[in-house]
N, C-alpha and C. Protein backbone atom coordinates (compact mmCIF):
# COMPACT_ATOMS: atom_id res chain seq x y z
N MET A 1 -90.51 18.71 -76.70
CA MET A 1 -91.47 19.62 -77.30
C MET A 1 -92.30 20.28 -76.20
N ALA A 2 -92.74 21.47 -76.49
CA ALA A 2 -93.58 22.20 -75.55
C ALA A 2 -94.42 23.21 -76.33
N LEU A 3 -95.44 23.71 -75.67
CA LEU A 3 -96.24 24.80 -76.20
C LEU A 3 -95.92 26.05 -75.39
N ILE A 4 -95.43 27.07 -76.05
CA ILE A 4 -95.14 28.34 -75.40
C ILE A 4 -96.31 29.28 -75.69
N PHE A 5 -96.89 29.84 -74.64
CA PHE A 5 -98.03 30.73 -74.80
C PHE A 5 -97.55 32.12 -75.21
N ASN A 6 -98.14 32.64 -76.28
CA ASN A 6 -97.87 33.99 -76.75
C ASN A 6 -98.94 34.96 -76.25
N THR A 7 -100.00 34.41 -75.69
CA THR A 7 -101.11 35.17 -75.17
C THR A 7 -101.06 35.11 -73.65
N PRO A 8 -101.22 36.23 -72.96
CA PRO A 8 -101.25 36.19 -71.50
C PRO A 8 -102.39 35.32 -70.98
N ILE A 9 -102.15 34.66 -69.85
CA ILE A 9 -103.14 33.80 -69.22
C ILE A 9 -103.54 34.46 -67.90
N GLU A 10 -104.80 34.81 -67.79
CA GLU A 10 -105.29 35.38 -66.52
C GLU A 10 -105.91 34.25 -65.70
N MET A 11 -105.37 34.06 -64.50
CA MET A 11 -105.87 33.02 -63.62
C MET A 11 -107.05 33.53 -62.82
N GLN A 12 -107.76 32.64 -62.15
CA GLN A 12 -108.96 32.99 -61.41
C GLN A 12 -108.69 34.01 -60.31
N ASN A 13 -107.48 34.02 -59.77
CA ASN A 13 -107.16 34.96 -58.68
C ASN A 13 -106.72 36.32 -59.19
N GLY A 14 -106.74 36.53 -60.51
CA GLY A 14 -106.39 37.83 -61.08
C GLY A 14 -104.93 37.97 -61.49
N ILE A 15 -104.10 37.00 -61.13
CA ILE A 15 -102.70 37.03 -61.53
C ILE A 15 -102.61 36.65 -63.01
N THR A 16 -101.76 37.37 -63.75
CA THR A 16 -101.58 37.10 -65.17
C THR A 16 -100.20 36.50 -65.41
N VAL A 17 -100.19 35.40 -66.14
CA VAL A 17 -98.95 34.75 -66.56
C VAL A 17 -98.69 35.18 -67.99
N THR A 18 -97.53 35.77 -68.23
CA THR A 18 -97.28 36.34 -69.56
C THR A 18 -96.64 35.38 -70.55
N ASP A 19 -95.96 34.36 -70.08
CA ASP A 19 -95.30 33.43 -71.02
C ASP A 19 -95.41 31.99 -70.51
N GLY A 20 -96.65 31.50 -70.46
CA GLY A 20 -96.90 30.16 -69.97
C GLY A 20 -96.16 29.10 -70.77
N TYR A 21 -95.92 27.97 -70.11
CA TYR A 21 -95.18 26.86 -70.69
C TYR A 21 -96.06 25.62 -70.60
N GLY A 22 -96.44 25.05 -71.72
CA GLY A 22 -97.33 23.90 -71.75
C GLY A 22 -96.61 22.61 -72.08
N ARG A 23 -96.75 21.63 -71.18
CA ARG A 23 -96.21 20.28 -71.42
C ARG A 23 -97.35 19.38 -71.86
N VAL A 24 -97.10 18.59 -72.89
CA VAL A 24 -98.14 17.79 -73.52
C VAL A 24 -97.91 16.31 -73.23
N GLY A 25 -99.00 15.62 -72.93
CA GLY A 25 -98.98 14.17 -72.79
C GLY A 25 -99.99 13.58 -73.76
N VAL A 26 -99.71 12.38 -74.26
CA VAL A 26 -100.61 11.76 -75.24
C VAL A 26 -100.52 10.23 -75.14
N ALA A 27 -101.65 9.59 -75.40
CA ALA A 27 -101.71 8.13 -75.49
C ALA A 27 -102.74 7.78 -76.55
N ASP A 28 -102.46 6.69 -77.29
CA ASP A 28 -103.50 6.21 -78.20
C ASP A 28 -104.29 5.14 -77.47
N ASN A 29 -105.57 5.01 -77.83
CA ASN A 29 -106.41 4.05 -77.13
C ASN A 29 -106.09 2.63 -77.58
N VAL A 30 -106.73 1.67 -76.95
CA VAL A 30 -106.44 0.26 -77.21
C VAL A 30 -106.67 -0.10 -78.67
N ASP A 31 -107.70 0.44 -79.27
CA ASP A 31 -107.98 0.14 -80.68
C ASP A 31 -107.09 0.91 -81.64
N GLY A 32 -106.36 1.89 -81.14
CA GLY A 32 -105.45 2.67 -81.98
C GLY A 32 -106.15 3.62 -82.92
N ASN A 33 -107.39 4.03 -82.58
CA ASN A 33 -108.11 4.92 -83.49
C ASN A 33 -108.47 6.26 -82.85
N GLN A 34 -107.91 6.53 -81.68
CA GLN A 34 -108.17 7.80 -81.01
C GLN A 34 -106.97 8.17 -80.13
N LEU A 35 -106.67 9.47 -80.08
CA LEU A 35 -105.62 9.98 -79.21
C LEU A 35 -106.26 10.69 -78.02
N GLN A 36 -105.74 10.42 -76.84
CA GLN A 36 -106.12 11.14 -75.63
C GLN A 36 -104.96 12.09 -75.32
N GLN A 37 -105.25 13.39 -75.27
CA GLN A 37 -104.20 14.39 -75.15
C GLN A 37 -104.48 15.31 -73.97
N ILE A 38 -103.42 15.78 -73.34
CA ILE A 38 -103.54 16.71 -72.22
C ILE A 38 -102.41 17.72 -72.30
N VAL A 39 -102.69 18.94 -71.89
CA VAL A 39 -101.64 19.95 -71.75
C VAL A 39 -101.70 20.46 -70.32
N GLU A 40 -100.55 20.43 -69.66
CA GLU A 40 -100.43 21.02 -68.33
C GLU A 40 -99.65 22.31 -68.50
N VAL A 41 -100.19 23.39 -67.97
CA VAL A 41 -99.61 24.71 -68.16
C VAL A 41 -98.89 25.14 -66.88
N TYR A 42 -97.66 25.59 -67.05
CA TYR A 42 -96.82 26.06 -65.96
C TYR A 42 -96.52 27.53 -66.15
N VAL A 43 -96.16 28.20 -65.07
CA VAL A 43 -95.81 29.61 -65.13
C VAL A 43 -94.65 29.83 -66.09
N SER A 44 -93.71 28.90 -66.09
CA SER A 44 -92.54 28.99 -66.97
C SER A 44 -91.93 27.60 -67.11
N GLU A 45 -90.99 27.47 -68.02
CA GLU A 45 -90.28 26.19 -68.15
C GLU A 45 -89.55 25.85 -66.86
N GLN A 46 -88.99 26.86 -66.21
CA GLN A 46 -88.23 26.61 -64.98
C GLN A 46 -89.13 26.06 -63.87
N THR A 47 -90.37 26.53 -63.78
CA THR A 47 -91.26 25.99 -62.75
C THR A 47 -91.57 24.52 -63.02
N PHE A 48 -91.66 24.14 -64.29
CA PHE A 48 -91.83 22.72 -64.64
C PHE A 48 -90.60 21.93 -64.21
N ILE A 49 -89.42 22.43 -64.57
CA ILE A 49 -88.17 21.75 -64.22
C ILE A 49 -88.03 21.61 -62.71
N ASP A 50 -88.46 22.63 -61.98
CA ASP A 50 -88.35 22.62 -60.52
C ASP A 50 -89.40 21.75 -59.85
N GLY A 51 -90.30 21.15 -60.62
CA GLY A 51 -91.31 20.26 -60.07
C GLY A 51 -92.49 20.95 -59.43
N LYS A 52 -92.70 22.21 -59.78
CA LYS A 52 -93.85 22.95 -59.25
C LYS A 52 -95.13 22.47 -59.93
N ALA A 53 -96.25 22.78 -59.32
CA ALA A 53 -97.55 22.36 -59.85
C ALA A 53 -97.95 23.21 -61.05
N PRO A 54 -98.70 22.61 -61.98
CA PRO A 54 -99.23 23.41 -63.09
C PRO A 54 -100.29 24.38 -62.60
N ILE A 55 -100.58 25.38 -63.43
CA ILE A 55 -101.62 26.35 -63.09
C ILE A 55 -102.94 25.93 -63.74
N SER A 56 -104.02 26.53 -63.28
CA SER A 56 -105.33 26.30 -63.87
C SER A 56 -105.73 27.52 -64.67
N ILE A 57 -106.27 27.26 -65.83
CA ILE A 57 -106.81 28.34 -66.65
C ILE A 57 -108.32 28.32 -66.47
N GLU A 58 -108.88 29.46 -66.09
CA GLU A 58 -110.30 29.55 -65.79
C GLU A 58 -111.16 29.05 -66.96
N ASP A 59 -112.14 28.23 -66.63
CA ASP A 59 -113.11 27.72 -67.60
C ASP A 59 -112.46 27.00 -68.78
N PHE A 60 -111.34 26.33 -68.54
CA PHE A 60 -110.64 25.63 -69.62
C PHE A 60 -110.31 24.22 -69.18
N ILE A 61 -110.73 23.24 -69.93
CA ILE A 61 -110.42 21.84 -69.65
C ILE A 61 -109.27 21.45 -70.57
N PRO A 62 -108.12 21.08 -69.99
CA PRO A 62 -106.91 20.89 -70.80
C PRO A 62 -106.76 19.52 -71.46
N THR A 63 -107.88 18.84 -71.71
CA THR A 63 -107.80 17.53 -72.35
C THR A 63 -108.55 17.54 -73.67
N LEU A 64 -108.16 16.60 -74.53
CA LEU A 64 -108.76 16.53 -75.86
C LEU A 64 -108.69 15.09 -76.35
N ALA A 65 -109.76 14.62 -76.95
CA ALA A 65 -109.77 13.33 -77.64
C ALA A 65 -109.92 13.61 -79.13
N SER A 66 -109.05 12.99 -79.94
CA SER A 66 -109.07 13.22 -81.38
C SER A 66 -109.03 11.88 -82.11
N PRO A 67 -109.73 11.79 -83.24
CA PRO A 67 -109.63 10.57 -84.05
C PRO A 67 -108.20 10.40 -84.54
N TYR A 68 -107.80 9.15 -84.71
CA TYR A 68 -106.42 8.86 -85.12
C TYR A 68 -106.42 7.68 -86.08
N ASN A 69 -105.70 7.84 -87.18
CA ASN A 69 -105.49 6.77 -88.14
C ASN A 69 -104.00 6.69 -88.41
N ARG A 70 -103.36 5.67 -87.89
CA ARG A 70 -101.91 5.52 -87.98
C ARG A 70 -101.43 5.56 -89.44
N ASP A 71 -102.19 4.94 -90.34
CA ASP A 71 -101.78 4.88 -91.75
C ASP A 71 -101.80 6.27 -92.40
N VAL A 72 -102.72 7.11 -91.99
CA VAL A 72 -102.86 8.44 -92.57
C VAL A 72 -102.06 9.48 -91.79
N ASP A 73 -102.16 9.41 -90.44
CA ASP A 73 -101.58 10.44 -89.58
C ASP A 73 -100.12 10.20 -89.21
N GLY A 74 -99.63 8.99 -89.42
CA GLY A 74 -98.25 8.68 -89.06
C GLY A 74 -98.12 8.19 -87.62
N THR A 75 -96.90 8.04 -87.17
CA THR A 75 -96.66 7.43 -85.86
C THR A 75 -96.17 8.41 -84.80
N ASP A 76 -95.90 9.65 -85.16
CA ASP A 76 -95.42 10.63 -84.18
C ASP A 76 -96.61 11.26 -83.48
N ILE A 77 -97.16 10.50 -82.50
CA ILE A 77 -98.37 10.99 -81.85
C ILE A 77 -98.10 12.19 -80.94
N LEU A 78 -96.86 12.35 -80.48
CA LEU A 78 -96.55 13.53 -79.66
C LEU A 78 -96.64 14.80 -80.51
N ALA A 79 -96.12 14.76 -81.71
CA ALA A 79 -96.22 15.92 -82.61
C ALA A 79 -97.67 16.20 -82.97
N LEU A 80 -98.44 15.14 -83.22
CA LEU A 80 -99.87 15.31 -83.52
C LEU A 80 -100.60 15.94 -82.34
N ALA A 81 -100.27 15.49 -81.14
CA ALA A 81 -100.92 16.03 -79.94
C ALA A 81 -100.63 17.52 -79.78
N HIS A 82 -99.39 17.92 -80.02
CA HIS A 82 -99.04 19.34 -79.92
C HIS A 82 -99.88 20.16 -80.92
N THR A 83 -99.98 19.66 -82.14
CA THR A 83 -100.74 20.37 -83.17
C THR A 83 -102.23 20.42 -82.81
N ASN A 84 -102.77 19.30 -82.34
CA ASN A 84 -104.19 19.25 -81.97
C ASN A 84 -104.50 20.17 -80.79
N LEU A 85 -103.64 20.14 -79.77
CA LEU A 85 -103.86 20.99 -78.60
C LEU A 85 -103.65 22.46 -78.94
N GLN A 86 -102.71 22.75 -79.83
CA GLN A 86 -102.49 24.13 -80.26
C GLN A 86 -103.77 24.67 -80.92
N ALA A 87 -104.42 23.86 -81.74
CA ALA A 87 -105.67 24.27 -82.38
C ALA A 87 -106.77 24.47 -81.35
N MET A 88 -106.86 23.57 -80.35
CA MET A 88 -107.87 23.70 -79.31
C MET A 88 -107.64 24.98 -78.51
N LEU A 89 -106.39 25.27 -78.18
CA LEU A 89 -106.07 26.49 -77.44
C LEU A 89 -106.39 27.73 -78.27
N ALA A 90 -106.14 27.68 -79.57
CA ALA A 90 -106.47 28.81 -80.45
C ALA A 90 -107.97 29.07 -80.43
N ASP A 91 -108.76 27.99 -80.44
CA ASP A 91 -110.22 28.14 -80.37
C ASP A 91 -110.65 28.79 -79.06
N ALA A 92 -109.84 28.60 -78.00
CA ALA A 92 -110.13 29.20 -76.69
C ALA A 92 -109.54 30.59 -76.55
N GLY A 93 -108.86 31.08 -77.62
CA GLY A 93 -108.32 32.44 -77.60
C GLY A 93 -106.86 32.56 -77.22
N TYR A 94 -106.14 31.43 -77.17
CA TYR A 94 -104.73 31.46 -76.79
C TYR A 94 -103.85 31.15 -77.99
N SER A 95 -102.87 32.00 -78.21
CA SER A 95 -101.88 31.79 -79.26
C SER A 95 -100.68 31.07 -78.64
N THR A 96 -100.22 30.01 -79.29
CA THR A 96 -99.07 29.26 -78.80
C THR A 96 -98.10 28.96 -79.94
N THR A 97 -96.88 28.67 -79.56
CA THR A 97 -95.85 28.25 -80.50
C THR A 97 -95.34 26.89 -80.06
N ILE A 98 -95.21 25.96 -81.00
CA ILE A 98 -94.64 24.65 -80.69
C ILE A 98 -93.13 24.79 -80.74
N VAL A 99 -92.47 24.40 -79.65
CA VAL A 99 -91.02 24.50 -79.55
C VAL A 99 -90.46 23.09 -79.41
N LEU A 100 -89.51 22.76 -80.27
CA LEU A 100 -88.86 21.46 -80.20
C LEU A 100 -87.85 21.43 -79.07
N GLY A 101 -87.69 20.26 -78.46
CA GLY A 101 -86.70 20.11 -77.40
C GLY A 101 -85.30 20.14 -77.94
N GLU A 102 -84.37 20.22 -77.03
CA GLU A 102 -82.96 20.30 -77.44
C GLU A 102 -82.33 18.95 -77.55
């Protein structure tokens, strides 16, 4: 799974990335009642595959903590993280699409 940016990303140096590629990481805490989520944004999927460093989005912190209830929310925390981060990015003005892996 990945988040594909539909909104251009302007970096601090003035360079614009037109189709950013976001990789999501997630972990539930010890008590199992909160998810810790992060999105690392790359210039493209190929730059991620090539092991290049993620880019920084100006004034944007790519982490999120969300309440979690396994009985209500289910066990697919990676899918939940994508949805939660997509909403956070939308609040920051970025449109993204969740893309399933092959």
